[in-house]
Amino acid sequence: MGIDMNTIFQIAGIGIVVAFLVTVLEQMGKKDYANWVTLIGFIYILFMVASIVENLFQKIKSVFLFQG
C-alpha cells in the first residue's frame, strides 16, 4: 500500500522548479506572473495528491468490504 517514490520525486521536482521560477520572476519585477506560476503549480500538485488520496480510499474500501 506504499506510495510510489516516483510520485514523491515528481512533486518535489515540481516544487523546486516552481520555486526557482517564482524567484526569477520576482527578481525581474514580474510579481503577477510569479503569482500565476505559484497558483498553477499548486493546482497541478493538488490534482496529483487528489489522485493519490482517491487510490487510498479505494484500497480502504476494498479492505472493509472484502473485495479483491
C-alpha atoms as a PDB file:
ATOM      1  CA  MET A   1       0.000   0.000   0.000  1.00  0.00           C
ATOM      2  CA  GLY A   2       3.039   2.227  -0.182  1.00  0.00           C
ATOM      3  CA  ILE A   3       3.179   5.289  -2.359  1.00  0.00           C
ATOM      4  CA  ASP A   4       5.381   5.148  -5.419  1.00  0.00           C
ATOM      5  CA  MET A   5       8.640   7.005  -4.852  1.00  0.00           C
ATOM      6  CA  ASN A   6       8.495   8.435  -8.371  1.00  0.00           C
ATOM      7  CA  THR A   7       5.385  10.379  -7.413  1.00  0.00           C
ATOM      8  CA  ILE A   8       7.132  11.872  -4.396  1.00  0.00           C
ATOM      9  CA  PHE A   9      10.108  12.868  -6.540  1.00  0.00           C
ATOM     10  CA  GLN A  10       7.779  14.377  -9.151  1.00  0.00           C
ATOM     11  CA  ILE A  11       6.051  16.504  -6.514  1.00  0.00           C
ATOM     12  CA  ALA A  12       9.396  17.599  -5.084  1.00  0.00           C
ATOM     13  CA  GLY A  13      10.763  18.365  -8.541  1.00  0.00           C
ATOM     14  CA  ILE A  14       7.738  20.437  -9.472  1.00  0.00           C
ATOM     15  CA  GLY A  15       8.066  22.321  -6.188  1.00  0.00           C
ATOM     16  CA  ILE A  16      11.723  23.086  -6.858  1.00  0.00           C
ATOM     17  CA  VAL A  17      11.040  24.250 -10.432  1.00  0.00           C
ATOM     18  CA  VAL A  18       8.133  26.435  -9.306  1.00  0.00           C
ATOM     19  CA  ALA A  19      10.213  27.961  -6.507  1.00  0.00           C
ATOM     20  CA  PHE A  20      13.038  28.698  -8.968  1.00  0.00           C
ATOM     21  CA  LEU A  21      10.669  30.283 -11.498  1.00  0.00           C
ATOM     22  CA  VAL A  22       8.977  32.385  -8.835  1.00  0.00           C
ATOM     23  CA  THR A  23      12.326  33.655  -7.575  1.00  0.00           C
ATOM     24  CA  VAL A  24      13.493  34.548 -11.082  1.00  0.00           C
ATOM     25  CA  LEU A  25      10.217  36.244 -11.976  1.00  0.00           C
ATOM     26  CA  GLU A  26      10.177  38.262  -8.763  1.00  0.00           C
ATOM     27  CA  GLN A  27      13.760  39.398  -9.364  1.00  0.00           C
ATOM     28  CA  MET A  28      12.697  40.557 -12.830  1.00  0.00           C
ATOM     29  CA  GLY A  29       9.830  42.522 -11.323  1.00  0.00           C
ATOM     30  CA  LYS A  30       7.129  40.255 -12.748  1.00  0.00           C
ATOM     31  CA  LYS A  31       5.291  39.584  -9.492  1.00  0.00           C
ATOM     32  CA  ASP A  32       1.979  38.954 -11.288  1.00  0.00           C
ATOM     33  CA  TYR A  33       3.499  36.185 -13.380  1.00  0.00           C
ATOM     34  CA  ALA A  34       5.174  34.756 -10.287  1.00  0.00           C
ATOM     35  CA  ASN A  35       1.801  34.547  -8.564  1.00  0.00           C
ATOM     36  CA  TRP A  36       0.306  32.752 -11.565  1.00  0.00           C
ATOM     37  CA  VAL A  37       3.182  30.261 -11.668  1.00  0.00           C
ATOM     38  CA  THR A  38       2.667  29.558  -7.963  1.00  0.00           C
ATOM     39  CA  LEU A  39      -1.063  29.061  -8.429  1.00  0.00           C
ATOM     40  CA  ILE A  40      -0.682  26.763 -11.427  1.00  0.00           C
ATOM     41  CA  GLY A  41       1.995  24.694  -9.652  1.00  0.00           C
ATOM     42  CA  PHE A  42      -0.194  24.395  -6.568  1.00  0.00           C
ATOM     43  CA  ILE A  43      -3.220  23.274  -8.601  1.00  0.00           C
ATOM     44  CA  TYR A  44      -1.153  20.712 -10.513  1.00  0.00           C
ATOM     45  CA  ILE A  45       0.242  19.206  -7.316  1.00  0.00           C
ATOM     46  CA  LEU A  46      -3.220  19.308  -5.727  1.00  0.00           C
ATOM     47  CA  PHE A  47      -4.573  17.137  -8.549  1.00  0.00           C
ATOM     48  CA  MET A  48      -1.668  14.706  -8.118  1.00  0.00           C
ATOM     49  CA  VAL A  49      -2.350  14.425  -4.390  1.00  0.00           C
ATOM     50  CA  ALA A  50      -6.102  14.056  -5.029  1.00  0.00           C
ATOM     51  CA  SER A  51      -5.463  11.039  -7.249  1.00  0.00           C
ATOM     52  CA  ILE A  52      -3.236   9.501  -4.570  1.00  0.00           C
ATOM     53  CA  VAL A  53      -5.942  10.038  -1.941  1.00  0.00           C
ATOM     54  CA  GLU A  54      -8.530   8.529  -4.286  1.00  0.00           C
ATOM     55  CA  ASN A  55      -6.394   5.395  -4.649  1.00  0.00           C
ATOM     56  CA  LEU A  56      -6.028   5.241  -0.872  1.00  0.00           C
ATOM     57  CA  PHE A  57      -9.796   5.413  -0.359  1.00  0.00           C
ATOM     58  CA  GLN A  58     -10.327   2.698  -2.973  1.00  0.00           C
ATOM     59  CA  LYS A  59      -7.891   0.437  -1.134  1.00  0.00           C
ATOM     60  CA  ILE A  60      -9.564   1.153   2.219  1.00  0.00           C
ATOM     61  CA  LYS A  61     -12.960   0.452   0.672  1.00  0.00           C
ATOM     62  CA  SER A  62     -11.750  -2.872  -0.741  1.00  0.00           C
ATOM     63  CA  VAL A  63     -10.358  -3.888   2.658  1.00  0.00           C
ATOM     64  CA  PHE A  64     -13.502  -3.143   4.634  1.00  0.00           C
ATOM     65  CA  LEU A  65     -15.916  -4.500   2.029  1.00  0.00           C
ATOM     66  CA  PHE A  66     -13.724  -7.573   1.485  1.00  0.00           C
ATOM     67  CA  GLN A  67     -13.467  -7.001  -2.231  1.00  0.00           C
ATOM     68  CA  GLY A  68     -10.485  -8.160  -4.196  1.00  0.00           C
END
